[in-house]
PDB file of N, CA and C in Angstrom:
ATOM      1  N   MET A   1      27.632  48.624 -15.484  1.00  0.00           N
ATOM      2  CA  MET A   1      26.501  47.831 -14.981  1.00  0.00           C
ATOM      3  C   MET A   1      26.986  46.655 -14.461  1.00  0.00           C
ATOM      4  N   GLU A   2      28.122  46.326 -14.936  1.00  0.00           N
ATOM      5  CA  GLU A   2      28.626  44.838 -13.910  1.00  0.00           C
ATOM      6  C   GLU A   2      28.472  45.411 -12.803  1.00  0.00           C
ATOM      7  N   HIS A   3      29.551  46.428 -12.264  1.00  0.00           N
ATOM      8  CA  HIS A   3      29.336  47.264 -11.208  1.00  0.00           C
ATOM      9  C   HIS A   3      27.933  47.072  -9.847  1.00  0.00           C
ATOM     10  N   ARG A   4      26.948  47.273 -10.681  1.00  0.00           N
ATOM     11  CA  ARG A   4      25.770  47.635 -10.186  1.00  0.00           C
ATOM     12  C   ARG A   4      25.335  45.837 -10.106  1.00  0.00           C
ATOM     13  N   GLY A   5      25.467  45.027 -10.584  1.00  0.00           N
ATOM     14  CA  GLY A   5      25.427  43.614 -10.440  1.00  0.00           C
ATOM     15  C   GLY A   5      25.862  42.897  -9.528  1.00  0.00           C
ATOM     16  N   LYS A   6      27.613  43.538  -9.180  1.00  0.00           N
ATOM     17  CA  LYS A   6      27.615  42.990  -7.693  1.00  0.00           C
ATOM     18  C   LYS A   6      27.512  43.531  -7.090  1.00  0.00           C
ATOM     19  N   ALA A   7      27.454  44.731  -6.731  1.00  0.00           N
ATOM     20  CA  ALA A   7      26.615  45.194  -5.462  1.00  0.00           C
ATOM     21  C   ALA A   7      25.674  44.399  -5.195  1.00  0.00           C
ATOM     22  N   ILE A   8      24.407  44.592  -6.097  1.00  0.00           N
ATOM     23  CA  ILE A   8      23.232  43.727  -5.802  1.00  0.00           C
ATOM     24  C   ILE A   8      23.688  42.144  -5.285  1.00  0.00           C
ATOM     25  N   ILE A   9      24.342  41.494  -5.626  1.00  0.00           N
ATOM     26  CA  ILE A   9      24.561  40.517  -4.765  1.00  0.00           C
ATOM     27  C   ILE A   9      25.481  40.639  -3.756  1.00  0.00           C
ATOM     28  N   ARG A  10      25.716  41.627  -3.790  1.00  0.00           N
ATOM     29  CA  ARG A  10      26.340  41.814  -2.388  1.00  0.00           C
ATOM     30  C   ARG A  10      25.167  41.436  -1.161  1.00  0.00           C
ATOM     31  N   ILE A  11      24.857  42.768  -1.838  1.00  0.00           N
ATOM     32  CA  ILE A  11      22.992  42.890  -0.636  1.00  0.00           C
ATOM     33  C   ILE A  11      22.784  41.369  -0.416  1.00  0.00           C
ATOM     34  N   ALA A  12      22.195  41.167  -1.515  1.00  0.00           N
ATOM     35  CA  ALA A  12      21.576  39.576  -1.512  1.00  0.00           C
ATOM     36  C   ALA A  12      22.386  39.012  -0.360  1.00  0.00           C
ATOM     37  N   LEU A  13      23.561  38.511  -0.672  1.00  0.00           N
ATOM     38  CA  LEU A  13      24.170  37.875   0.035  1.00  0.00           C
ATOM     39  C   LEU A  13      23.594  38.139   1.429  1.00  0.00           C
ATOM     40  N   ILE A  14      23.954  39.244   1.507  1.00  0.00           N
ATOM     41  CA  ILE A  14      24.213  40.037   3.134  1.00  0.00           C
ATOM     42  C   ILE A  14      23.093  39.860   3.770  1.00  0.00           C
ATOM     43  N   VAL A  15      22.145  40.200   3.300  1.00  0.00           N
ATOM     44  CA  VAL A  15      20.571  40.025   3.981  1.00  0.00           C
ATOM     45  C   VAL A  15      20.321  38.250   3.775  1.00  0.00           C
ATOM     46  N   VAL A  16      21.226  37.237   3.434  1.00  0.00           N
ATOM     47  CA  VAL A  16      20.550  36.249   3.479  1.00  0.00           C
ATOM     48  C   VAL A  16      21.467  35.910   4.564  1.00  0.00           C
ATOM     49  N   ILE A  17      23.077  35.548   4.771  1.00  0.00           N
ATOM     50  CA  ILE A  17      23.735  36.019   6.283  1.00  0.00           C
ATOM     51  C   ILE A  17      22.857  36.161   7.569  1.00  0.00           C
ATOM     52  N   ILE A  18      22.624  37.830   7.084  1.00  0.00           N
ATOM     53  CA  ILE A  18      21.304  37.907   8.686  1.00  0.00           C
ATOM     54  C   ILE A  18      20.415  37.191   9.106  1.00  0.00           C
ATOM     55  N   THR A  19      19.858  36.715   7.554  1.00  0.00           N
ATOM     56  CA  THR A  19      18.553  36.270   7.603  1.00  0.00           C
ATOM     57  C   THR A  19      18.519  34.882   8.155  1.00  0.00           C
ATOM     58  N   GLY A  20      20.030  33.925   7.710  1.00  0.00           N
ATOM     59  CA  GLY A  20      20.487  32.912   8.719  1.00  0.00           C
ATOM     60  C   GLY A  20      20.754  32.810   9.850  1.00  0.00           C
ATOM     61  N   ILE A  21      21.470  33.950  10.413  1.00  0.00           N
ATOM     62  CA  ILE A  21      21.674  34.202  11.566  1.00  0.00           C
ATOM     63  C   ILE A  21      20.619  34.306  12.505  1.00  0.00           C
ATOM     64  N   ILE A  22      19.792  34.932  12.191  1.00  0.00           N
ATOM     65  CA  ILE A  22      18.636  34.922  13.143  1.00  0.00           C
ATOM     66  C   ILE A  22      17.602  34.428  13.636  1.00  0.00           C
ATOM     67  N   GLY A  23      17.722  33.650  12.068  1.00  0.00           N
ATOM     68  CA  GLY A  23      16.541  32.106  12.100  1.00  0.00           C
ATOM     69  C   GLY A  23      17.400  31.241  12.831  1.00  0.00           C
ATOM     70  N   TYR A  24      18.820  31.516  13.574  1.00  0.00           N
ATOM     71  CA  TYR A  24      19.593  30.194  13.947  1.00  0.00           C
ATOM     72  C   TYR A  24      19.190  30.529  15.262  1.00  0.00           C
ATOM     73  N   SER A  25      19.439  31.955  15.291  1.00  0.00           N
ATOM     74  CA  SER A  25      19.394  32.404  17.266  1.00  0.00           C
ATOM     75  C   SER A  25      17.797  31.978  17.361  1.00  0.00           C
ATOM     76  N   PHE A  26      16.597  32.474  16.573  1.00  0.00           N
ATOM     77  CA  PHE A  26      15.921  31.843  17.211  1.00  0.00           C
ATOM     78  C   PHE A  26      15.789  30.433  17.677  1.00  0.00           C
ATOM     79  N   PHE A  27      15.407  29.235  16.606  1.00  0.00           N
ATOM     80  CA  PHE A  27      16.224  27.878  16.433  1.00  0.00           C
ATOM     81  C   PHE A  27      16.441  27.751  17.911  1.00  0.00           C
ATOM     82  N   GLN A  28      17.488  28.064  18.477  1.00  0.00           N
ATOM     83  CA  GLN A  28      18.528  27.765  19.171  1.00  0.00           C
ATOM     84  C   GLN A  28      18.101  28.298  20.371  1.00  0.00           C
ATOM     85  N   SER A  29      17.427  29.305  20.627  1.00  0.00           N
ATOM     86  CA  SER A  29      16.300  29.926  21.613  1.00  0.00           C
ATOM     87  C   SER A  29      15.044  29.534  21.795  1.00  0.00           C
ATOM     88  N   ARG A  30      14.474  27.936  21.230  1.00  0.00           N
ATOM     89  CA  ARG A  30      13.153  27.988  20.954  1.00  0.00           C
ATOM     90  C   ARG A  30      12.560  27.696  23.052  1.00  0.00           C
ATOM     91  N   ASN A  31      13.956  26.928  23.175  1.00  0.00           N
ATOM     92  CA  ASN A  31      13.852  25.905  24.470  1.00  0.00           C
ATOM     93  C   ASN A  31      13.533  27.211  25.667  1.00  0.00           C
ATOM     94  N   LEU A  32      14.143  28.410  25.216  1.00  0.00           N
ATOM     95  CA  LEU A  32      13.866  28.772  26.443  1.00  0.00           C
ATOM     96  C   LEU A  32      12.683  30.270  25.963  1.00  0.00           C
ATOM     97  N   ILE A  33      11.898  29.738  24.776  1.00  0.00           N
ATOM     98  CA  ILE A  33      10.980  30.530  24.844  1.00  0.00           C
ATOM     99  C   ILE A  33       9.773  29.574  25.468  1.00  0.00           C
ATOM    100  N   LYS A  34       9.774  28.616  25.021  1.00  0.00           N
ATOM    101  CA  LYS A  34       8.864  27.690  25.485  1.00  0.00           C
ATOM    102  C   LYS A  34       8.444  27.210  26.601  1.00  0.00           C
ATOM    103  N   GLY A  35       9.816  27.616  27.827  1.00  0.00           N
ATOM    104  CA  GLY A  35       9.099  27.648  29.066  1.00  0.00           C
ATOM    105  C   GLY A  35       9.735  26.570  29.996  1.00  0.00           C
ATOM    106  N   PRO A  36       9.705  25.918  30.827  1.00  0.00           N
ATOM    107  CA  PRO A  36       9.720  24.452  32.001  1.00  0.00           C
ATOM    108  C   PRO A  36       8.453  23.993  30.708  1.00  0.00           C
ATOM    109  N   GLN A  37       8.903  22.302  31.141  1.00  0.00           N
ATOM    110  CA  GLN A  37       7.771  21.535  30.438  1.00  0.00           C
ATOM    111  C   GLN A  37       8.231  20.529  31.277  1.00  0.00           C
ATOM    112  N   ILE A  38       7.254  19.495  31.846  1.00  0.00           N
ATOM    113  CA  ILE A  38       7.327  18.377  32.229  1.00  0.00           C
ATOM    114  C   ILE A  38       6.280  17.181  31.625  1.00  0.00           C
ATOM    115  N   ILE A  39       6.798  16.210  30.983  1.00  0.00           N
ATOM    116  CA  ILE A  39       6.236  15.091  30.658  1.00  0.00           C
ATOM    117  C   ILE A  39       6.161  13.449  30.896  1.00  0.00           C
ATOM    118  N   LEU A  40       5.333  13.498  31.520  1.00  0.00           N
ATOM    119  CA  LEU A  40       5.070  12.093  32.200  1.00  0.00           C
ATOM    120  C   LEU A  40       4.856  10.760  31.789  1.00  0.00           C
ATOM    121  N   LYS A  41       5.561   9.752  32.059  1.00  0.00           N
ATOM    122  CA  LYS A  41       5.810   8.486  31.158  1.00  0.00           C
ATOM    123  C   LYS A  41       4.966   7.255  31.490  1.00  0.00           C
ATOM    124  N   ASN A  42       4.855   7.458  33.615  1.00  0.00           N
ATOM    125  CA  ASN A  42       4.611   6.258  33.984  1.00  0.00           C
ATOM    126  C   ASN A  42       3.732   6.702  35.533  1.00  0.00           C
ATOM    127  N   PRO A  43       3.319   6.437  36.243  1.00  0.00           N
ATOM    128  CA  PRO A  43       1.965   5.626  35.332  1.00  0.00           C
ATOM    129  C   PRO A  43       1.071   6.975  35.157  1.00  0.00           C
ATOM    130  N   GLU A  44      -0.109   6.306  34.696  1.00  0.00           N
ATOM    131  CA  GLU A  44      -1.082   7.530  33.711  1.00  0.00           C
ATOM    132  C   GLU A  44      -1.457   8.318  34.772  1.00  0.00           C
ATOM    133  N   THR A  45      -2.307   8.971  34.473  1.00  0.00           N
ATOM    134  CA  THR A  45      -3.387   9.680  36.227  1.00  0.00           C
ATOM    135  C   THR A  45      -4.388   8.968  36.026  1.00  0.00           C
ATOM    136  N   GLY A  46      -4.958   8.296  37.008  1.00  0.00           N
ATOM    137  CA  GLY A  46      -6.711   7.897  37.366  1.00  0.00           C
ATOM    138  C   GLY A  46      -5.929   6.610  37.054  1.00  0.00           C
ATOM    139  N   THR A  47      -5.174   6.231  37.708  1.00  0.00           N
ATOM    140  CA  THR A  47      -4.419   4.651  37.137  1.00  0.00           C
ATOM    141  C   THR A  47      -5.262   4.259  38.656  1.00  0.00           C
ATOM    142  N   THR A  48      -5.718   3.003  38.378  1.00  0.00           N
ATOM    143  CA  THR A  48      -5.840   2.124  39.451  1.00  0.00           C
ATOM    144  C   THR A  48      -4.912   0.872  39.792  1.00  0.00           C
ATOM    145  N   LEU A  49      -4.636   0.281  41.165  1.00  0.00           N
ATOM    146  CA  LEU A  49      -2.934   0.047  41.270  1.00  0.00           C
ATOM    147  C   LEU A  49      -3.459  -1.250  42.227  1.00  0.00           C
ATOM    148  N   ALA A  50      -3.001  -1.941  42.270  1.00  0.00           N
ATOM    149  CA  ALA A  50      -3.094  -3.421  42.939  1.00  0.00           C
ATOM    150  C   ALA A  50      -2.183  -3.143  44.533  1.00  0.00           C
ATOM    151  N   HIS A  51      -0.573  -3.060  44.077  1.00  0.00           N
ATOM    152  CA  HIS A  51       0.536  -2.354  44.344  1.00  0.00           C
ATOM    153  C   HIS A  51       0.939  -2.089  44.899  1.00  0.00           C
ATOM    154  N   PRO A  52       1.128  -0.995  46.766  1.00  0.00           N
ATOM    155  CA  PRO A  52       1.410   0.292  46.914  1.00  0.00           C
ATOM    156  C   PRO A  52       2.968   0.842  46.392  1.00  0.00           C
ATOM    157  N   LEU A  53       3.857  -0.020  46.073  1.00  0.00           N
ATOM    158  CA  LEU A  53       4.748   0.630  45.462  1.00  0.00           C
ATOM    159  C   LEU A  53       4.655   0.929  43.851  1.00  0.00           C
ATOM    160  N   VAL A  54       4.915   2.263  43.791  1.00  0.00           N
ATOM    161  CA  VAL A  54       4.405   2.825  42.273  1.00  0.00           C
ATOM    162  C   VAL A  54       5.711   4.355  42.015  1.00  0.00           C
ATOM    163  N   ALA A  55       6.542   3.659  40.887  1.00  0.00           N
ATOM    164  CA  ALA A  55       7.858   4.661  40.536  1.00  0.00           C
ATOM    165  C   ALA A  55       6.810   5.758  39.330  1.00  0.00           C
ATOM    166  N   ILE A  56       7.017   6.864  39.953  1.00  0.00           N
ATOM    167  CA  ILE A  56       6.595   7.665  39.024  1.00  0.00           C
ATOM    168  C   ILE A  56       7.904   8.275  38.492  1.00  0.00           C
ATOM    169  N   GLU A  57       8.118   8.193  36.297  1.00  0.00           N
ATOM    170  CA  GLU A  57       8.677   8.390  35.649  1.00  0.00           C
ATOM    171  C   GLU A  57       8.207   9.744  34.946  1.00  0.00           C
ATOM    172  N   GLY A  58       9.117   9.889  34.096  1.00  0.00           N
ATOM    173  CA  GLY A  58       9.182  11.546  33.511  1.00  0.00           C
ATOM    174  C   GLY A  58      10.282  11.927  32.824  1.00  0.00           C
ATOM    175  N   THR A  59      10.061  12.944  32.386  1.00  0.00           N
ATOM    176  CA  THR A  59      11.115  14.401  31.587  1.00  0.00           C
ATOM    177  C   THR A  59      10.608  15.244  31.850  1.00  0.00           C
ATOM    178  N   ALA A  60      12.152  15.611  32.170  1.00  0.00           N
ATOM    179  CA  ALA A  60      11.558  17.773  32.808  1.00  0.00           C
ATOM    180  C   ALA A  60      12.714  18.549  31.744  1.00  0.00           C
ATOM    181  N   GLN A  61      11.943  19.186  31.028  1.00  0.00           N
ATOM    182  CA  GLN A  61      12.917  20.250  30.165  1.00  0.00           C
ATOM    183  C   GLN A  61      12.783  21.319  30.622  1.00  0.00           C
ATOM    184  N   ASN A  62      14.587  22.435  30.010  1.00  0.00           N
ATOM    185  CA  ASN A  62      14.105  23.176  30.489  1.00  0.00           C
ATOM    186  C   ASN A  62      13.596  24.062  31.804  1.00  0.00           C
ATOM    187  N   ILE A  63      14.796  22.892  32.623  1.00  0.00           N
ATOM    188  CA  ILE A  63      14.148  23.755  34.375  1.00  0.00           C
ATOM    189  C   ILE A  63      15.674  23.459  34.925  1.00  0.00           C
ATOM    190  N   SER A  64      15.437  24.364  35.764  1.00  0.00           N
ATOM    191  CA  SER A  64      16.626  24.582  36.997  1.00  0.00           C
ATOM    192  C   SER A  64      16.201  24.191  37.807  1.00  0.00           C
ATOM    193  N   PHE A  65      15.031  24.103  38.563  1.00  0.00           N
ATOM    194  CA  PHE A  65      14.207  23.016  39.496  1.00  0.00           C
ATOM    195  C   PHE A  65      13.294  22.341  39.524  1.00  0.00           C
ATOM    196  N   ILE A  66      12.420  21.183  40.235  1.00  0.00           N
ATOM    197  CA  ILE A  66      11.675  20.442  40.591  1.00  0.00           C
ATOM    198  C   ILE A  66      11.505  19.746  41.677  1.00  0.00           C
ATOM    199  N   THR A  67      10.176  19.884  41.728  1.00  0.00           N
ATOM    200  CA  THR A  67       9.437  18.963  43.065  1.00  0.00           C
ATOM    201  C   THR A  67       8.566  18.044  42.658  1.00  0.00           C
ATOM    202  N   LEU A  68       8.461  17.141  43.952  1.00  0.00           N
ATOM    203  CA  LEU A  68       7.263  16.359  44.061  1.00  0.00           C
ATOM    204  C   LEU A  68       6.986  16.063  45.507  1.00  0.00           C
ATOM    205  N   ASN A  69       5.438  17.197  45.081  1.00  0.00           N
ATOM    206  CA  ASN A  69       4.937  17.421  46.492  1.00  0.00           C
ATOM    207  C   ASN A  69       5.469  18.244  47.491  1.00  0.00           C
ATOM    208  N   ASP A  70       6.208  18.969  47.189  1.00  0.00           N
ATOM    209  CA  ASP A  70       7.408  20.430  47.345  1.00  0.00           C
ATOM    210  C   ASP A  70       8.264  19.795  47.989  1.00  0.00           C
ATOM    211  N   ARG A  71       9.009  18.361  47.556  1.00  0.00           N
ATOM    212  CA  ARG A  71      10.411  17.699  47.795  1.00  0.00           C
ATOM    213  C   ARG A  71      11.176  17.696  47.039  1.00  0.00           C
ATOM    214  N   GLN A  72      12.081  18.579  46.738  1.00  0.00           N
ATOM    215  CA  GLN A  72      12.972  18.389  45.454  1.00  0.00           C
ATOM    216  C   GLN A  72      13.188  16.920  45.533  1.00  0.00           C
ATOM    217  N   ILE A  73      13.550  16.974  43.779  1.00  0.00           N
ATOM    218  CA  ILE A  73      13.795  15.577  42.902  1.00  0.00           C
ATOM    219  C   ILE A  73      15.097  15.755  42.275  1.00  0.00           C
ATOM    220  N   PHE A  74      15.644  15.016  41.571  1.00  0.00           N
ATOM    221  CA  PHE A  74      16.822  15.563  40.662  1.00  0.00           C
ATOM    222  C   PHE A  74      16.541  14.559  39.434  1.00  0.00           C
ATOM    223  N   VAL A  75      17.085  15.383  38.314  1.00  0.00           N
ATOM    224  CA  VAL A  75      17.252  14.897  37.310  1.00  0.00           C
ATOM    225  C   VAL A  75      18.692  14.449  36.909  1.00  0.00           C
ATOM    226  N   ASP A  76      18.468  13.263  35.114  1.00  0.00           N
ATOM    227  CA  ASP A  76      19.706  13.012  34.938  1.00  0.00           C
ATOM    228  C   ASP A  76      20.158  14.085  33.978  1.00  0.00           C
ATOM    229  N   ASN A  77      20.941  13.861  33.504  1.00  0.00           N
ATOM    230  CA  ASN A  77      21.656  15.045  31.999  1.00  0.00           C
ATOM    231  C   ASN A  77      20.569  14.693  30.831  1.00  0.00           C
ATOM    232  N   ASP A  78      20.177  13.903  30.884  1.00  0.00           N
ATOM    233  CA  ASP A  78      18.554  13.535  30.052  1.00  0.00           C
ATOM    234  C   ASP A  78      17.792  14.562  30.401  1.00  0.00           C
ATOM    235  N   GLY A  79      17.106  14.842  31.941  1.00  0.00           N
ATOM    236  CA  GLY A  79      16.209  15.533  31.906  1.00  0.00           C
ATOM    237  C   GLY A  79      15.228  14.854  32.468  1.00  0.00           C
ATOM    238  N   ASN A  80      15.706  12.645  32.350  1.00  0.00           N
ATOM    239  CA  ASN A  80      14.720  11.771  32.994  1.00  0.00           C
ATOM    240  C   ASN A  80      14.982  11.926  34.997  1.00  0.00           C
ATOM    241  N   PHE A  81      14.016  12.215  35.063  1.00  0.00           N
ATOM    242  CA  PHE A  81      13.662  11.161  36.091  1.00  0.00           C
ATOM    243  C   PHE A  81      12.836  10.044  36.696  1.00  0.00           C
ATOM    244  N   LYS A  82      12.866   9.949  38.236  1.00  0.00           N
ATOM    245  CA  LYS A  82      12.231   8.463  38.613  1.00  0.00           C
ATOM    246  C   LYS A  82      12.422   8.682  40.218  1.00  0.00           C
ATOM    247  N   GLU A  83      10.840   8.401  40.787  1.00  0.00           N
ATOM    248  CA  GLU A  83      10.944   8.250  42.110  1.00  0.00           C
ATOM    249  C   GLU A  83       9.795   7.500  41.984  1.00  0.00           C
ATOM    250  N   GLU A  84       9.741   6.529  43.223  1.00  0.00           N
ATOM    251  CA  GLU A  84       9.628   5.395  44.050  1.00  0.00           C
ATOM    252  C   GLU A  84       8.736   5.568  45.251  1.00  0.00           C
ATOM    253  N   LEU A  85       7.356   5.759  45.024  1.00  0.00           N
ATOM    254  CA  LEU A  85       6.466   6.017  45.876  1.00  0.00           C
ATOM    255  C   LEU A  85       5.541   5.135  46.646  1.00  0.00           C
ATOM    256  N   LEU A  86       5.678   5.111  48.161  1.00  0.00           N
ATOM    257  CA  LEU A  86       3.973   4.188  48.888  1.00  0.00           C
ATOM    258  C   LEU A  86       3.305   4.803  48.743  1.00  0.00           C
ATOM    259  N   LEU A  87       2.036   4.360  47.878  1.00  0.00           N
ATOM    260  CA  LEU A  87       0.188   4.790  48.267  1.00  0.00           C
ATOM    261  C   LEU A  87      -0.107   4.292  49.319  1.00  0.00           C
ATOM    262  N   SER A  88      -1.210   5.207  49.889  1.00  0.00           N
ATOM    263  CA  SER A  88      -2.178   4.983  51.045  1.00  0.00           C
ATOM    264  C   SER A  88      -3.081   4.044  49.939  1.00  0.00           C
ATOM    265  N   PRO A  89      -4.110   3.424  50.956  1.00  0.00           N
ATOM    266  CA  PRO A  89      -5.288   2.885  50.571  1.00  0.00           C
ATOM    267  C   PRO A  89      -6.356   3.516  50.010  1.00  0.00           C
ATOM    268  N   GLY A  90      -6.823   3.305  48.984  1.00  0.00           N
ATOM    269  CA  GLY A  90      -7.405   4.271  48.459  1.00  0.00           C
ATOM    270  C   GLY A  90      -6.913   5.627  47.283  1.00  0.00           C
ATOM    271  N   TYR A  91      -7.427   6.872  47.498  1.00  0.00           N
ATOM    272  CA  TYR A  91      -7.159   7.718  46.881  1.00  0.00           C
ATOM    273  C   TYR A  91      -5.909   8.293  47.232  1.00  0.00           C
ATOM    274  N   ASN A  92      -5.170   8.704  46.000  1.00  0.00           N
ATOM    275  CA  ASN A  92      -3.846   9.497  46.444  1.00  0.00           C
ATOM    276  C   ASN A  92      -3.683  10.930  45.405  1.00  0.00           C
ATOM    277  N   MET A  93      -2.988  11.950  45.595  1.00  0.00           N
ATOM    278  CA  MET A  93      -2.582  12.837  44.692  1.00  0.00           C
ATOM    279  C   MET A  93      -1.405  13.042  44.834  1.00  0.00           C
ATOM    280  N   TRP A  94      -0.412  13.546  43.583  1.00  0.00           N
ATOM    281  CA  TRP A  94       0.773  14.206  43.703  1.00  0.00           C
ATOM    282  C   TRP A  94       0.939  14.974  42.848  1.00  0.00           C
ATOM    283  N   GLU A  95       2.016  15.869  43.239  1.00  0.00           N
ATOM    284  CA  GLU A  95       2.114  17.009  41.878  1.00  0.00           C
ATOM    285  C   GLU A  95       3.071  17.219  41.958  1.00  0.00           C
ATOM    286  N   ILE A  96       4.125  16.590  41.326  1.00  0.00           N
ATOM    287  CA  ILE A  96       4.983  17.329  40.083  1.00  0.00           C
ATOM    288  C   ILE A  96       5.505  18.829  39.744  1.00  0.00           C
ATOM    289  N   GLU A  97       6.568  20.221  40.564  1.00  0.00           N
ATOM    290  CA  GLU A  97       5.835  20.844  40.055  1.00  0.00           C
ATOM    291  C   GLU A  97       7.636  21.330  39.086  1.00  0.00           C
ATOM    292  N   ALA A  98       7.540  22.120  38.546  1.00  0.00           N
ATOM    293  CA  ALA A  98       9.432  22.738  37.918  1.00  0.00           C
ATOM    294  C   ALA A  98       9.540  23.774  37.776  1.00  0.00           C
ATOM    295  N   LYS A  99      10.502  24.775  37.879  1.00  0.00           N
ATOM    296  CA  LYS A  99      10.921  25.882  37.707  1.00  0.00           C
ATOM    297  C   LYS A  99      11.985  26.511  36.676  1.00  0.00           C
ATOM    298  N   ASP A 100      11.568  27.019  36.448  1.00  0.00           N
ATOM    299  CA  ASP A 100      13.313  27.639  34.901  1.00  0.00           C
ATOM    300  C   ASP A 100      13.858  28.296  35.489  1.00  0.00           C
ATOM    301  N   LYS A 101      14.625  29.491  35.545  1.00  0.00           N
ATOM    302  CA  LYS A 101      15.834  30.143  35.613  1.00  0.00           C
ATOM    303  C   LYS A 101      14.797  31.718  35.743  1.00  0.00           C
ATOM    304  N   PHE A 102      14.246  31.647  35.243  1.00  0.00           N
ATOM    305  CA  PHE A 102      13.394  32.749  34.702  1.00  0.00           C
ATOM    306  C   PHE A 102      11.876  32.979  35.950  1.00  0.00           C
ATOM    307  N   GLY A 103      11.914  31.661  36.294  1.00  0.00           N
ATOM    308  CA  GLY A 103      11.156  31.752  37.407  1.00  0.00           C
ATOM    309  C   GLY A 103       9.369  31.185  36.445  1.00  0.00           C
ATOM    310  N   ARG A 104       9.257  30.590  35.693  1.00  0.00           N
ATOM    311  CA  ARG A 104       8.043  30.363  35.055  1.00  0.00           C
ATOM    312  C   ARG A 104       7.673  28.936  35.591  1.00  0.00           C
ATOM    313  N   ILE A 105       6.982  28.731  36.038  1.00  0.00           N
ATOM    314  CA  ILE A 105       6.749  27.981  36.388  1.00  0.00           C
ATOM    315  C   ILE A 105       4.928  26.793  35.980  1.00  0.00           C
ATOM    316  N   VAL A 106       5.469  25.321  36.097  1.00  0.00           N
ATOM    317  CA  VAL A 106       4.528  24.454  35.566  1.00  0.00           C
ATOM    318  C   VAL A 106       4.643  23.146  36.609  1.00  0.00           C
ATOM    319  N   SER A 107       2.796  22.390  36.031  1.00  0.00           N
ATOM    320  CA  SER A 107       2.910  21.343  37.311  1.00  0.00           C
ATOM    321  C   SER A 107       2.040  20.550  36.430  1.00  0.00           C
ATOM    322  N   LYS A 108       2.025  19.358  37.006  1.00  0.00           N
ATOM    323  CA  LYS A 108       1.482  18.254  36.480  1.00  0.00           C
ATOM    324  C   LYS A 108       0.942  17.233  38.305  1.00  0.00           C
ATOM    325  N   LYS A 109      -0.513  17.217  37.607  1.00  0.00           N
ATOM    326  CA  LYS A 109      -1.204  16.301  38.793  1.00  0.00           C
ATOM    327  C   LYS A 109      -1.763  15.161  38.511  1.00  0.00           C
ATOM    328  N   ILE A 110      -0.562  13.867  39.431  1.00  0.00           N
ATOM    329  CA  ILE A 110      -0.830  12.737  39.368  1.00  0.00           C
ATOM    330  C   ILE A 110      -1.848  12.011  40.479  1.00  0.00           C
ATOM    331  N   GLU A 111      -3.270  11.759  39.783  1.00  0.00           N
ATOM    332  CA  GLU A 111      -4.617  11.269  40.322  1.00  0.00           C
ATOM    333  C   GLU A 111      -3.949   9.150  40.355  1.00  0.00           C
ATOM    334  N   LEU A 112      -3.805   8.894  41.725  1.00  0.00           N
ATOM    335  CA  LEU A 112      -3.678   6.887  41.804  1.00  0.00           C
ATOM    336  C   LEU A 112      -4.771   7.040  42.392  1.00  0.00           C
ATOM    337  N   VAL A 113      -5.160   5.328  42.386  1.00  0.00           N
ATOM    338  CA  VAL A 113      -6.113   4.549  43.287  1.00  0.00           C
ATOM    339  C   VAL A 113      -5.356   3.287  43.857  1.00  0.00           C
ATOM    340  N   LEU A 114      -5.272   3.387  45.004  1.00  0.00           N
ATOM    341  CA  LEU A 114      -4.591   2.144  45.366  1.00  0.00           C
ATOM    342  C   LEU A 114      -6.210   1.197  45.925  1.00  0.00           C
ATOM    343  N   GLN A 115      -6.175   0.104  45.144  1.00  0.00           N
ATOM    344  CA  GLN A 115      -7.159  -1.219  45.875  1.00  0.00           C
ATOM    345  C   GLN A 115      -6.734  -1.172  47.050  1.00  0.00           C
ATOM    346  N   GLY A 116      -7.989  -1.579  47.574  1.00  0.00           N
ATOM    347  CA  GLY A 116      -7.998  -2.457  49.313  1.00  0.00           C
ATOM    348  C   GLY A 116      -6.737  -3.082  49.642  1.00  0.00           C
ATOM    349  N   SER A 117      -6.087  -2.614  50.697  1.00  0.00           N
ATOM    350  CA  SER A 117      -5.447  -2.896  51.306  1.00  0.00           C
ATOM    351  C   SER A 117      -5.349  -3.629  52.665  1.00  0.00           C
TER     352      SER A 117
END
């Protein structure tokens, strides 16, 4: 009877360890599963500005390549980016596009209006 109890404890311990390994693996791969992400911090789309110089700021996660209107931009070690742009009078639209190493693409559009200059 004592031998049977030890066998049940061993099996339970093995199941817990395997479940832990699988759970940890899933937790670590969550960013790969999510794909690329772009989080814009500044400015908000639809904003009307009085000055033509604007800084586009944000964070990109899980990316291998990022562009702003088809021009490559760069991120720091934390995924932050900041690009200064000169707006034309009236309506302006910019597109940020990011790609991950699996070819998945995500994009965000920024629409800004520069009041008459």
